């Protein structure tokens, strides 16, 4: 970019809640942390599309979650970069609307520490058979359920990215064997053995814990269905942190009711999960309301730090971090 003032527009989405909102106070703190950027950028802010087209008429960059995309090149002719507040892009699919000269980036990694803590909390709960104990508690049933230590057991991480990699780090520190699956099959320092998605079936019988931290794409759609659950060990623990679309929840319900496995699940096909959903009464299951990675103290600040780091790169004409591959959809 040349030396002209770069126009960044920040579009808030009220339905996401205050954890994700870029308030003026949060923005001011971010500018103080990045003084080298402050005098190079003009910032406008809006919420829920009010005045959006006017603000975007001169914007070079956009920070948002969701926004009006039809004819974006017409009302935002200067737009060259869009940075998403979250990691997922499913709500924006298909990505055919992205102009050829616009770079799309996301905030993957911002919530990694909080998310990996949640996932490992789930693994510890599963190892200590808490889902089964909670099922018994609701029935006022006293049944001693014993478990061995977690050290020496095996975790299979489906999707070794920012979150999956940090889960691997924690797992290794607890003495677990870590098996990983990632699209490229590329090694990771905290993964003992790395595989590719086509290897899932042969790995499932080996795992004491199966952790889902992969994005939703056409290739991962319902990858954990009845066939996958049938291959799991009796007594295995299943954690779905990432996306509901990777899991067939009817199949999961059946294996939970049969007592074959236990599970901790944070994401669902319909959210909020309806009161009529049979999952509420499914045994051996801990439900959390899609809150695994929402850190009220740090999420917004870390998102803005990533935004401003990328803004510096954008101004300098350097490659941006967290570029979304439009074909892979993450």
C-alpha atoms as a PDB file:
ATOM      1  CA  UNK A   1       0.000   0.000   0.000  1.00  0.00           C
ATOM      2  CA  UNK A   2       1.079   3.601  -0.516  1.00  0.00           C
ATOM      3  CA  UNK A   3       1.341   6.189   2.266  1.00  0.00           C
ATOM      4  CA  UNK A   4      -2.274   7.341   2.093  1.00  0.00           C
ATOM      5  CA  UNK A   5      -4.461   6.826   5.153  1.00  0.00           C
ATOM      6  CA  UNK A   6      -5.997   3.351   5.057  1.00  0.00           C
ATOM      7  CA  UNK A   7      -9.740   3.218   5.751  1.00  0.00           C
ATOM      8  CA  UNK A   8     -10.715   0.305   8.001  1.00  0.00           C
ATOM      9  CA  UNK A   9     -14.399  -0.258   8.688  1.00  0.00           C
ATOM     10  CA  UNK A  10     -15.434  -2.339  11.707  1.00  0.00           C
ATOM     11  CA  UNK A  11     -18.913  -3.836  11.489  1.00  0.00           C
ATOM     12  CA  UNK A  12     -20.279  -5.255  14.741  1.00  0.00           C
ATOM     13  CA  UNK A  13     -22.974  -7.914  14.888  1.00  0.00           C
ATOM     14  CA  UNK A  14     -25.162  -7.529  17.970  1.00  0.00           C
ATOM     15  CA  UNK A  15     -26.393 -11.134  17.965  1.00  0.00           C
ATOM     16  CA  UNK A  16     -22.863 -12.325  18.762  1.00  0.00           C
ATOM     17  CA  UNK A  17     -22.976 -10.602  22.150  1.00  0.00           C
ATOM     18  CA  UNK A  18     -20.632  -8.252  23.968  1.00  0.00           C
ATOM     19  CA  UNK A  19     -17.731 -10.719  24.109  1.00  0.00           C
ATOM     20  CA  UNK A  20     -17.187 -10.126  20.386  1.00  0.00           C
ATOM     21  CA  UNK A  21     -18.139  -6.445  20.199  1.00  0.00           C
ATOM     22  CA  UNK A  22     -15.519  -3.903  19.220  1.00  0.00           C
ATOM     23  CA  UNK A  23     -16.398  -1.080  21.583  1.00  0.00           C
ATOM     24  CA  UNK A  24     -14.723   2.307  21.414  1.00  0.00           C
ATOM     25  CA  UNK A  25     -12.921   1.508  24.667  1.00  0.00           C
ATOM     26  CA  UNK A  26     -11.534  -1.760  23.281  1.00  0.00           C
ATOM     27  CA  UNK A  27     -10.555  -0.061  20.052  1.00  0.00           C
ATOM     28  CA  UNK A  28      -8.745   2.738  21.918  1.00  0.00           C
ATOM     29  CA  UNK A  29      -6.793   0.189  23.953  1.00  0.00           C
ATOM     30  CA  UNK A  30      -5.801  -1.639  20.770  1.00  0.00           C
ATOM     31  CA  UNK A  31      -4.603   1.579  19.163  1.00  0.00           C
ATOM     32  CA  UNK A  32      -2.499   2.301  22.249  1.00  0.00           C
ATOM     33  CA  UNK A  33      -0.933  -1.156  21.934  1.00  0.00           C
ATOM     34  CA  UNK A  34      -0.190  -0.511  18.235  1.00  0.00           C
ATOM     35  CA  UNK A  35       0.956   3.138  18.055  1.00  0.00           C
ATOM     36  CA  UNK A  36       2.754   2.529  14.763  1.00  0.00           C
ATOM     37  CA  UNK A  37      -0.627   1.824  13.140  1.00  0.00           C
ATOM     38  CA  UNK A  38      -2.725   4.498  14.826  1.00  0.00           C
ATOM     39  CA  UNK A  39      -1.642   7.395  12.609  1.00  0.00           C
ATOM     40  CA  UNK A  40      -1.916   5.383   9.407  1.00  0.00           C
ATOM     41  CA  UNK A  41      -5.538   4.331   9.609  1.00  0.00           C
ATOM     42  CA  UNK A  42      -8.965   5.939   9.484  1.00  0.00           C
ATOM     43  CA  UNK A  43     -11.509   3.811  11.343  1.00  0.00           C
ATOM     44  CA  UNK A  44     -15.276   3.823  11.067  1.00  0.00           C
ATOM     45  CA  UNK A  45     -17.599   1.575  13.061  1.00  0.00           C
ATOM     46  CA  UNK A  46     -21.163   0.383  12.596  1.00  0.00           C
ATOM     47  CA  UNK A  47     -23.560  -2.254  13.873  1.00  0.00           C
ATOM     48  CA  UNK A  48     -25.973  -4.607  12.117  1.00  0.00           C
ATOM     49  CA  UNK A  49     -25.687  -2.931   8.727  1.00  0.00           C
ATOM     50  CA  UNK A  50     -26.878   0.546   9.671  1.00  0.00           C
ATOM     51  CA  UNK A  51     -25.120   2.979   7.329  1.00  0.00           C
ATOM     52  CA  UNK A  52     -22.969   0.112   6.096  1.00  0.00           C
ATOM     53  CA  UNK A  53     -22.927   1.024   2.406  1.00  0.00           C
ATOM     54  CA  UNK A  54     -21.977   4.627   3.128  1.00  0.00           C
ATOM     55  CA  UNK A  55     -19.099   3.540   5.378  1.00  0.00           C
ATOM     56  CA  UNK A  56     -17.908   0.989   2.849  1.00  0.00           C
ATOM     57  CA  UNK A  57     -17.884   3.418  -0.083  1.00  0.00           C
ATOM     58  CA  UNK A  58     -14.256   4.341   0.697  1.00  0.00           C
ATOM     59  CA  UNK A  59     -13.157   1.396   2.859  1.00  0.00           C
ATOM     60  CA  UNK A  60      -9.965  -0.481   2.016  1.00  0.00           C
ATOM     61  CA  UNK A  61     -10.471  -3.113   4.711  1.00  0.00           C
ATOM     62  CA  UNK A  62     -13.372  -4.610   6.650  1.00  0.00           C
ATOM     63  CA  UNK A  63     -13.415  -6.316  10.068  1.00  0.00           C
ATOM     64  CA  UNK A  64     -16.675  -8.174  10.627  1.00  0.00           C
ATOM     65  CA  UNK A  65     -18.543 -11.406  11.223  1.00  0.00           C
ATOM     66  CA  UNK A  66     -21.413 -11.136   8.755  1.00  0.00           C
ATOM     67  CA  UNK A  67     -22.321  -8.400   6.306  1.00  0.00           C
ATOM     68  CA  UNK A  68     -24.143  -7.527   3.111  1.00  0.00           C
ATOM     69  CA  UNK A  69     -22.262  -9.285   0.321  1.00  0.00           C
ATOM     70  CA  UNK A  70     -24.402  -8.909  -2.776  1.00  0.00           C
ATOM     71  CA  UNK A  71     -22.810  -6.471  -5.243  1.00  0.00           C
ATOM     72  CA  UNK A  72     -20.018  -5.752  -2.779  1.00  0.00           C
ATOM     73  CA  UNK A  73     -17.704  -4.548  -5.540  1.00  0.00           C
ATOM     74  CA  UNK A  74     -20.234  -1.888  -6.516  1.00  0.00           C
ATOM     75  CA  UNK A  75     -20.741  -0.276  -3.095  1.00  0.00           C
ATOM     76  CA  UNK A  76     -17.180  -0.976  -1.853  1.00  0.00           C
ATOM     77  CA  UNK A  77     -14.939  -0.343  -4.878  1.00  0.00           C
ATOM     78  CA  UNK A  78     -11.772   0.182  -2.800  1.00  0.00           C
ATOM     79  CA  UNK A  79     -12.161  -2.958  -0.687  1.00  0.00           C
ATOM     80  CA  UNK A  80      -9.068  -5.191  -0.782  1.00  0.00           C
ATOM     81  CA  UNK A  81      -9.179  -7.126   2.483  1.00  0.00           C
ATOM     82  CA  UNK A  82     -11.818  -8.667   4.763  1.00  0.00           C
ATOM     83  CA  UNK A  83     -10.900 -10.011   8.201  1.00  0.00           C
ATOM     84  CA  UNK A  84     -13.469 -12.181   9.989  1.00  0.00           C
ATOM     85  CA  UNK A  85     -14.015 -11.978  13.737  1.00  0.00           C
ATOM     86  CA  UNK A  86     -14.183 -15.764  14.067  1.00  0.00           C
ATOM     87  CA  UNK A  87     -12.465 -18.794  12.590  1.00  0.00           C
ATOM     88  CA  UNK A  88     -15.368 -20.354  10.681  1.00  0.00           C
ATOM     89  CA  UNK A  89     -16.619 -19.255   7.273  1.00  0.00           C
ATOM     90  CA  UNK A  90     -19.626 -21.572   6.995  1.00  0.00           C
ATOM     91  CA  UNK A  91     -22.112 -18.745   7.412  1.00  0.00           C
ATOM     92  CA  UNK A  92     -20.594 -17.051   4.337  1.00  0.00           C
ATOM     93  CA  UNK A  93     -20.680 -20.046   1.990  1.00  0.00           C
ATOM     94  CA  UNK A  94     -20.437 -20.348  -0.903  1.00  0.00           C
ATOM     95  CA  UNK A  95     -17.413 -18.076  -1.137  1.00  0.00           C
ATOM     96  CA  UNK A  96     -18.071 -17.248  -4.784  1.00  0.00           C
ATOM     97  CA  UNK A  97     -19.002 -13.708  -3.714  1.00  0.00           C
ATOM     98  CA  UNK A  98     -15.368 -12.932  -2.728  1.00  0.00           C
ATOM     99  CA  UNK A  99     -13.933 -10.606  -5.403  1.00  0.00           C
ATOM    100  CA  UNK A 100     -10.753 -11.770  -7.114  1.00  0.00           C
ATOM    101  CA  UNK A 101      -8.722  -8.844  -5.768  1.00  0.00           C
ATOM    102  CA  UNK A 102      -9.945  -9.174  -2.155  1.00  0.00           C
ATOM    103  CA  UNK A 103      -8.027 -11.201   0.459  1.00  0.00           C
ATOM    104  CA  UNK A 104     -10.135 -13.006   3.067  1.00  0.00           C
ATOM    105  CA  UNK A 105      -8.562 -13.742   6.466  1.00  0.00           C
ATOM    106  CA  UNK A 106      -9.963 -15.106   9.721  1.00  0.00           C
ATOM    107  CA  UNK A 107      -9.246 -15.117  13.449  1.00  0.00           C
ATOM    108  CA  UNK A 108      -8.224 -18.740  13.917  1.00  0.00           C
ATOM    109  CA  UNK A 109      -5.896 -19.116  16.852  1.00  0.00           C
ATOM    110  CA  UNK A 110      -7.318 -16.175  18.811  1.00  0.00           C
ATOM    111  CA  UNK A 111      -9.377 -18.478  21.009  1.00  0.00           C
ATOM    112  CA  UNK A 112      -6.883 -21.359  20.979  1.00  0.00           C
ATOM    113  CA  UNK A 113      -5.778 -21.336  24.631  1.00  0.00           C
ATOM    114  CA  UNK A 114      -9.311 -21.142  25.999  1.00  0.00           C
ATOM    115  CA  UNK A 115     -10.544 -23.788  23.550  1.00  0.00           C
ATOM    116  CA  UNK A 116      -7.763 -26.246  24.277  1.00  0.00           C
ATOM    117  CA  UNK A 117      -8.428 -25.892  28.022  1.00  0.00           C
ATOM    118  CA  UNK A 118     -12.062 -26.763  27.378  1.00  0.00           C
ATOM    119  CA  UNK A 119     -11.179 -29.789  25.259  1.00  0.00           C
ATOM    120  CA  UNK A 120      -8.780 -31.153  27.833  1.00  0.00           C
ATOM    121  CA  UNK A 121     -11.318 -30.501  30.583  1.00  0.00           C
ATOM    122  CA  UNK A 122     -13.642 -32.692  28.536  1.00  0.00           C
ATOM    123  CA  UNK A 123     -11.006 -35.408  28.254  1.00  0.00           C
ATOM    124  CA  UNK A 124     -10.385 -35.383  32.011  1.00  0.00           C
ATOM    125  CA  UNK A 125     -14.139 -35.522  32.652  1.00  0.00           C
ATOM    126  CA  UNK A 126     -14.464 -38.473  30.293  1.00  0.00           C
ATOM    127  CA  UNK A 127     -11.495 -40.252  31.847  1.00  0.00           C
ATOM    128  CA  UNK A 128     -13.105 -39.847  35.267  1.00  0.00           C
ATOM    129  CA  UNK A 129     -16.449 -41.059  33.860  1.00  0.00           C
ATOM    130  CA  UNK A 130     -18.270 -37.879  34.824  1.00  0.00           C
ATOM    131  CA  UNK A 131     -20.913 -38.158  32.059  1.00  0.00           C
ATOM    132  CA  UNK A 132     -21.938 -41.551  33.463  1.00  0.00           C
ATOM    133  CA  UNK A 133     -21.915 -40.248  37.021  1.00  0.00           C
ATOM    134  CA  UNK A 134     -24.066 -37.273  36.020  1.00  0.00           C
ATOM    135  CA  UNK A 135     -26.524 -39.665  34.387  1.00  0.00           C
ATOM    136  CA  UNK A 136     -26.680 -41.624  37.625  1.00  0.00           C
ATOM    137  CA  UNK A 137     -27.043 -38.428  39.655  1.00  0.00           C
ATOM    138  CA  UNK A 138     -30.198 -37.473  37.755  1.00  0.00           C
ATOM    139  CA  UNK A 139     -31.584 -40.912  38.633  1.00  0.00           C
ATOM    140  CA  UNK A 140     -30.473 -40.694  42.286  1.00  0.00           C
ATOM    141  CA  UNK A 141     -28.510 -43.857  41.577  1.00  0.00           C
ATOM    142  CA  UNK A 142     -25.436 -44.671  43.703  1.00  0.00           C
ATOM    143  CA  UNK A 143     -23.011 -46.670  41.576  1.00  0.00           C
ATOM    144  CA  UNK A 144     -19.258 -46.631  42.086  1.00  0.00           C
ATOM    145  CA  UNK A 145     -17.561 -46.050  38.738  1.00  0.00           C
ATOM    146  CA  UNK A 146     -13.797 -46.438  38.718  1.00  0.00           C
ATOM    147  CA  UNK A 147     -11.255 -45.319  36.146  1.00  0.00           C
ATOM    148  CA  UNK A 148      -7.514 -45.527  35.665  1.00  0.00           C
ATOM    149  CA  UNK A 149      -5.173 -42.579  35.302  1.00  0.00           C
ATOM    150  CA  UNK A 150      -5.057 -40.764  31.980  1.00  0.00           C
ATOM    151  CA  UNK A 151      -1.276 -41.122  31.541  1.00  0.00           C
ATOM    152  CA  UNK A 152      -0.415 -43.733  28.950  1.00  0.00           C
ATOM    153  CA  UNK A 153      -3.746 -43.570  27.142  1.00  0.00           C
ATOM    154  CA  UNK A 154      -4.206 -42.564  23.501  1.00  0.00           C
ATOM    155  CA  UNK A 155      -5.982 -39.530  22.093  1.00  0.00           C
ATOM    156  CA  UNK A 156      -6.902 -39.176  18.421  1.00  0.00           C
ATOM    157  CA  UNK A 157      -7.162 -35.521  17.351  1.00  0.00           C
ATOM    158  CA  UNK A 158      -9.160 -35.045  14.163  1.00  0.00           C
ATOM    159  CA  UNK A 159      -7.951 -31.696  12.831  1.00  0.00           C
ATOM    160  CA  UNK A 160      -4.509 -30.636  14.052  1.00  0.00           C
ATOM    161  CA  UNK A 161      -4.642 -26.887  13.532  1.00  0.00           C
ATOM    162  CA  UNK A 162      -4.278 -24.121  16.134  1.00  0.00           C
ATOM    163  CA  UNK A 163      -6.651 -25.697  18.655  1.00  0.00           C
ATOM    164  CA  UNK A 164      -5.846 -29.314  17.887  1.00  0.00           C
ATOM    165  CA  UNK A 165      -2.130 -28.593  18.099  1.00  0.00           C
ATOM    166  CA  UNK A 166      -2.493 -26.975  21.505  1.00  0.00           C
ATOM    167  CA  UNK A 167      -4.622 -29.896  22.715  1.00  0.00           C
ATOM    168  CA  UNK A 168      -1.777 -32.157  21.565  1.00  0.00           C
ATOM    169  CA  UNK A 169       0.679 -30.094  23.604  1.00  0.00           C
ATOM    170  CA  UNK A 170      -1.397 -30.429  26.776  1.00  0.00           C
ATOM    171  CA  UNK A 171      -2.044 -34.115  26.150  1.00  0.00           C
ATOM    172  CA  UNK A 172       1.654 -34.849  25.776  1.00  0.00           C
ATOM    173  CA  UNK A 173       2.374 -33.016  29.036  1.00  0.00           C
ATOM    174  CA  UNK A 174      -0.068 -35.420  30.756  1.00  0.00           C
ATOM    175  CA  UNK A 175       1.709 -38.413  29.277  1.00  0.00           C
ATOM    176  CA  UNK A 176      -0.779 -39.384  26.607  1.00  0.00           C
ATOM    177  CA  UNK A 177       0.109 -40.854  23.248  1.00  0.00           C
ATOM    178  CA  UNK A 178      -1.130 -38.434  20.578  1.00  0.00           C
ATOM    179  CA  UNK A 179      -2.357 -39.549  17.156  1.00  0.00           C
ATOM    180  CA  UNK A 180      -3.268 -36.753  14.764  1.00  0.00           C
ATOM    181  CA  UNK A 181      -5.170 -36.357  11.518  1.00  0.00           C
ATOM    182  CA  UNK A 182      -4.703 -33.364   9.240  1.00  0.00           C
ATOM    183  CA  UNK A 183      -5.374 -32.888   5.556  1.00  0.00           C
ATOM    184  CA  UNK A 184      -1.720 -32.494   4.622  1.00  0.00           C
ATOM    185  CA  UNK A 185      -0.372 -35.205   6.918  1.00  0.00           C
ATOM    186  CA  UNK A 186       2.410 -32.795   7.893  1.00  0.00           C
ATOM    187  CA  UNK A 187       4.233 -33.620  11.137  1.00  0.00           C
ATOM    188  CA  UNK A 188       3.563 -31.667  14.339  1.00  0.00           C
ATOM    189  CA  UNK A 189       5.964 -31.374  17.257  1.00  0.00           C
ATOM    190  CA  UNK A 190       3.421 -32.593  19.818  1.00  0.00           C
ATOM    191  CA  UNK A 191       1.878 -35.388  17.739  1.00  0.00           C
ATOM    192  CA  UNK A 192       3.493 -38.822  17.970  1.00  0.00           C
ATOM    193  CA  UNK A 193       2.020 -40.135  14.725  1.00  0.00           C
ATOM    194  CA  UNK A 194       0.324 -38.029  12.050  1.00  0.00           C
ATOM    195  CA  UNK A 195      -2.085 -39.345   9.452  1.00  0.00           C
ATOM    196  CA  UNK A 196      -4.475 -38.077   6.794  1.00  0.00           C
ATOM    197  CA  UNK A 197      -8.300 -38.148   6.760  1.00  0.00           C
ATOM    198  CA  UNK A 198      -8.511 -41.385   4.770  1.00  0.00           C
ATOM    199  CA  UNK A 199      -6.822 -43.161   7.707  1.00  0.00           C
ATOM    200  CA  UNK A 200      -9.604 -42.402  10.189  1.00  0.00           C
ATOM    201  CA  UNK A 201     -11.219 -45.864  10.151  1.00  0.00           C
ATOM    202  CA  UNK A 202      -8.031 -47.718  11.073  1.00  0.00           C
ATOM    203  CA  UNK A 203      -7.215 -45.256  13.875  1.00  0.00           C
ATOM    204  CA  UNK A 204     -10.574 -45.138  15.671  1.00  0.00           C
ATOM    205  CA  UNK A 205     -10.185 -48.567  17.343  1.00  0.00           C
ATOM    206  CA  UNK A 206      -6.861 -47.431  18.844  1.00  0.00           C
ATOM    207  CA  UNK A 207      -8.122 -44.319  20.628  1.00  0.00           C
ATOM    208  CA  UNK A 208      -9.262 -43.930  24.216  1.00  0.00           C
ATOM    209  CA  UNK A 209     -10.340 -40.371  23.384  1.00  0.00           C
ATOM    210  CA  UNK A 210     -11.436 -38.876  20.083  1.00  0.00           C
ATOM    211  CA  UNK A 211     -11.289 -35.084  19.826  1.00  0.00           C
ATOM    212  CA  UNK A 212     -12.899 -33.195  16.931  1.00  0.00           C
ATOM    213  CA  UNK A 213     -11.173 -29.872  16.181  1.00  0.00           C
ATOM    214  CA  UNK A 214     -11.507 -29.718  12.382  1.00  0.00           C
ATOM    215  CA  UNK A 215     -13.404 -27.187  10.258  1.00  0.00           C
ATOM    216  CA  UNK A 216     -16.589 -28.078   8.420  1.00  0.00           C
ATOM    217  CA  UNK A 217     -16.031 -28.583   4.694  1.00  0.00           C
ATOM    218  CA  UNK A 218     -17.708 -30.864   2.133  1.00  0.00           C
ATOM    219  CA  UNK A 219     -15.017 -33.482   2.863  1.00  0.00           C
ATOM    220  CA  UNK A 220     -15.686 -33.485   6.627  1.00  0.00           C
ATOM    221  CA  UNK A 221     -19.488 -33.530   6.424  1.00  0.00           C
ATOM    222  CA  UNK A 222     -20.851 -36.133   8.908  1.00  0.00           C
ATOM    223  CA  UNK A 223     -17.512 -37.924   8.996  1.00  0.00           C
ATOM    224  CA  UNK A 224     -18.451 -39.153  12.471  1.00  0.00           C
ATOM    225  CA  UNK A 225     -21.493 -41.263  11.684  1.00  0.00           C
ATOM    226  CA  UNK A 226     -22.665 -44.724  12.678  1.00  0.00           C
ATOM    227  CA  UNK A 227     -19.758 -46.474  10.953  1.00  0.00           C
ATOM    228  CA  UNK A 228     -17.225 -44.338  12.819  1.00  0.00           C
ATOM    229  CA  UNK A 229     -18.909 -44.840  16.190  1.00  0.00           C
ATOM    230  CA  UNK A 230     -19.077 -48.599  15.620  1.00  0.00           C
ATOM    231  CA  UNK A 231     -15.286 -48.639  15.205  1.00  0.00           C
ATOM    232  CA  UNK A 232     -14.609 -46.901  18.509  1.00  0.00           C
ATOM    233  CA  UNK A 233     -13.525 -48.785  21.613  1.00  0.00           C
ATOM    234  CA  UNK A 234     -16.139 -49.611  24.197  1.00  0.00           C
ATOM    235  CA  UNK A 235     -15.609 -46.998  26.902  1.00  0.00           C
ATOM    236  CA  UNK A 236     -14.014 -44.433  24.580  1.00  0.00           C
ATOM    237  CA  UNK A 237     -14.584 -40.721  25.159  1.00  0.00           C
ATOM    238  CA  UNK A 238     -15.701 -38.375  22.368  1.00  0.00           C
ATOM    239  CA  UNK A 239     -15.329 -34.571  22.416  1.00  0.00           C
ATOM    240  CA  UNK A 240     -16.818 -32.371  19.685  1.00  0.00           C
ATOM    241  CA  UNK A 241     -15.526 -28.856  20.086  1.00  0.00           C
ATOM    242  CA  UNK A 242     -15.479 -27.622  16.493  1.00  0.00           C
ATOM    243  CA  UNK A 243     -18.532 -27.972  14.212  1.00  0.00           C
ATOM    244  CA  UNK A 244     -21.837 -29.824  14.502  1.00  0.00           C
ATOM    245  CA  UNK A 245     -21.861 -30.750  10.817  1.00  0.00           C
ATOM    246  CA  UNK A 246     -19.008 -33.213  11.304  1.00  0.00           C
ATOM    247  CA  UNK A 247     -21.194 -35.443  13.494  1.00  0.00           C
ATOM    248  CA  UNK A 248     -24.365 -37.476  12.941  1.00  0.00           C
ATOM    249  CA  UNK A 249     -26.071 -36.731  16.243  1.00  0.00           C
ATOM    250  CA  UNK A 250     -28.728 -39.402  15.835  1.00  0.00           C
ATOM    251  CA  UNK A 251     -25.958 -41.989  15.532  1.00  0.00           C
ATOM    252  CA  UNK A 252     -24.151 -40.458  18.512  1.00  0.00           C
ATOM    253  CA  UNK A 253     -27.342 -40.650  20.549  1.00  0.00           C
ATOM    254  CA  UNK A 254     -27.692 -44.356  19.758  1.00  0.00           C
ATOM    255  CA  UNK A 255     -24.184 -45.291  20.907  1.00  0.00           C
ATOM    256  CA  UNK A 256     -24.542 -43.171  24.041  1.00  0.00           C
ATOM    257  CA  UNK A 257     -27.826 -44.848  24.927  1.00  0.00           C
ATOM    258  CA  UNK A 258     -26.192 -48.227  24.341  1.00  0.00           C
ATOM    259  CA  UNK A 259     -23.484 -47.269  26.838  1.00  0.00           C
ATOM    260  CA  UNK A 260     -20.677 -47.896  24.367  1.00  0.00           C
ATOM    261  CA  UNK A 261     -19.030 -44.462  24.705  1.00  0.00           C
ATOM    262  CA  UNK A 262     -19.410 -41.198  26.597  1.00  0.00           C
ATOM    263  CA  UNK A 263     -19.253 -37.694  25.135  1.00  0.00           C
ATOM    264  CA  UNK A 264     -18.775 -33.991  25.785  1.00  0.00           C
ATOM    265  CA  UNK A 265     -20.358 -31.821  23.077  1.00  0.00           C
ATOM    266  CA  UNK A 266     -20.338 -28.039  22.632  1.00  0.00           C
ATOM    267  CA  UNK A 267     -21.890 -27.600  19.157  1.00  0.00           C
ATOM    268  CA  UNK A 268     -25.226 -28.731  17.753  1.00  0.00           C
ATOM    269  CA  UNK A 269     -27.202 -28.852  14.511  1.00  0.00           C
ATOM    270  CA  UNK A 270     -29.685 -26.348  15.890  1.00  0.00           C
ATOM    271  CA  UNK A 271     -28.688 -23.678  18.385  1.00  0.00           C
ATOM    272  CA  UNK A 272     -29.975 -22.966  20.927  1.00  0.00           C
ATOM    273  CA  UNK A 273     -30.630 -26.676  21.324  1.00  0.00           C
ATOM    274  CA  UNK A 274     -34.460 -26.998  21.464  1.00  0.00           C
ATOM    275  CA  UNK A 275     -36.048 -28.072  24.723  1.00  0.00           C
ATOM    276  CA  UNK A 276     -37.614 -30.949  22.784  1.00  0.00           C
ATOM    277  CA  UNK A 277     -34.251 -32.356  21.650  1.00  0.00           C
ATOM    278  CA  UNK A 278     -33.740 -35.919  22.897  1.00  0.00           C
ATOM    279  CA  UNK A 279     -30.086 -35.068  23.511  1.00  0.00           C
ATOM    280  CA  UNK A 280     -31.046 -33.311  26.751  1.00  0.00           C
ATOM    281  CA  UNK A 281     -32.101 -36.671  28.172  1.00  0.00           C
ATOM    282  CA  UNK A 282     -29.441 -38.804  26.493  1.00  0.00           C
ATOM    283  CA  UNK A 283     -27.307 -40.698  29.014  1.00  0.00           C
ATOM    284  CA  UNK A 284     -23.526 -40.500  29.198  1.00  0.00           C
ATOM    285  CA  UNK A 285     -23.475 -37.040  27.618  1.00  0.00           C
ATOM    286  CA  UNK A 286     -22.342 -33.639  28.900  1.00  0.00           C
ATOM    287  CA  UNK A 287     -23.836 -30.731  26.944  1.00  0.00           C
ATOM    288  CA  UNK A 288     -22.251 -27.274  26.946  1.00  0.00           C
ATOM    289  CA  UNK A 289     -24.023 -24.399  25.137  1.00  0.00           C
ATOM    290  CA  UNK A 290     -21.446 -23.450  22.448  1.00  0.00           C
ATOM    291  CA  UNK A 291     -19.354 -21.608  24.993  1.00  0.00           C
ATOM    292  CA  UNK A 292     -16.098 -23.525  24.868  1.00  0.00           C
ATOM    293  CA  UNK A 293     -13.878 -20.803  23.442  1.00  0.00           C
ATOM    294  CA  UNK A 294     -15.614 -17.534  24.297  1.00  0.00           C
ATOM    295  CA  UNK A 295     -13.235 -15.737  26.642  1.00  0.00           C
ATOM    296  CA  UNK A 296     -14.943 -12.578  27.966  1.00  0.00           C
ATOM    297  CA  UNK A 297     -11.693 -11.124  29.313  1.00  0.00           C
ATOM    298  CA  UNK A 298      -9.427 -11.605  26.318  1.00  0.00           C
ATOM    299  CA  UNK A 299     -11.258 -12.534  23.100  1.00  0.00           C
ATOM    300  CA  UNK A 300     -11.949  -9.039  21.780  1.00  0.00           C
ATOM    301  CA  UNK A 301      -8.496  -7.715  22.652  1.00  0.00           C
ATOM    302  CA  UNK A 302      -6.720 -10.668  21.058  1.00  0.00           C
ATOM    303  CA  UNK A 303      -8.902 -10.353  17.944  1.00  0.00           C
ATOM    304  CA  UNK A 304      -8.015  -6.697  17.606  1.00  0.00           C
ATOM    305  CA  UNK A 305      -4.314  -7.425  18.138  1.00  0.00           C
ATOM    306  CA  UNK A 306      -4.417  -9.897  15.262  1.00  0.00           C
ATOM    307  CA  UNK A 307      -6.360  -7.402  13.165  1.00  0.00           C
ATOM    308  CA  UNK A 308      -3.797  -4.651  13.759  1.00  0.00           C
ATOM    309  CA  UNK A 309      -0.868  -6.975  13.145  1.00  0.00           C
ATOM    310  CA  UNK A 310      -2.419  -7.844   9.804  1.00  0.00           C
ATOM    311  CA  UNK A 311      -3.217  -4.197   9.170  1.00  0.00           C
ATOM    312  CA  UNK A 312       0.488  -3.416   9.459  1.00  0.00           C
ATOM    313  CA  UNK A 313       1.200  -6.154   6.937  1.00  0.00           C
ATOM    314  CA  UNK A 314      -1.542  -4.819   4.665  1.00  0.00           C
ATOM    315  CA  UNK A 315      -0.098  -1.302   4.762  1.00  0.00           C
ATOM    316  CA  UNK A 316       3.388  -2.631   4.013  1.00  0.00           C
ATOM    317  CA  UNK A 317       2.175  -4.841   1.185  1.00  0.00           C
ATOM    318  CA  UNK A 318       3.241  -8.035   2.980  1.00  0.00           C
ATOM    319  CA  UNK A 319       1.456 -11.387   3.082  1.00  0.00           C
ATOM    320  CA  UNK A 320      -1.411 -11.467   5.575  1.00  0.00           C
ATOM    321  CA  UNK A 321      -1.727 -14.014   8.358  1.00  0.00           C
ATOM    322  CA  UNK A 322      -4.622 -16.507   8.463  1.00  0.00           C
ATOM    323  CA  UNK A 323      -5.525 -16.270   4.791  1.00  0.00           C
ATOM    324  CA  UNK A 324      -8.607 -18.363   4.015  1.00  0.00           C
ATOM    325  CA  UNK A 325      -8.217 -20.834   1.153  1.00  0.00           C
ATOM    326  CA  UNK A 326     -11.420 -20.299  -0.808  1.00  0.00           C
ATOM    327  CA  UNK A 327     -11.353 -23.837  -2.179  1.00  0.00           C
ATOM    328  CA  UNK A 328     -10.626 -25.565   1.137  1.00  0.00           C
ATOM    329  CA  UNK A 329     -13.004 -23.165   2.939  1.00  0.00           C
ATOM    330  CA  UNK A 330     -10.695 -22.528   5.902  1.00  0.00           C
END
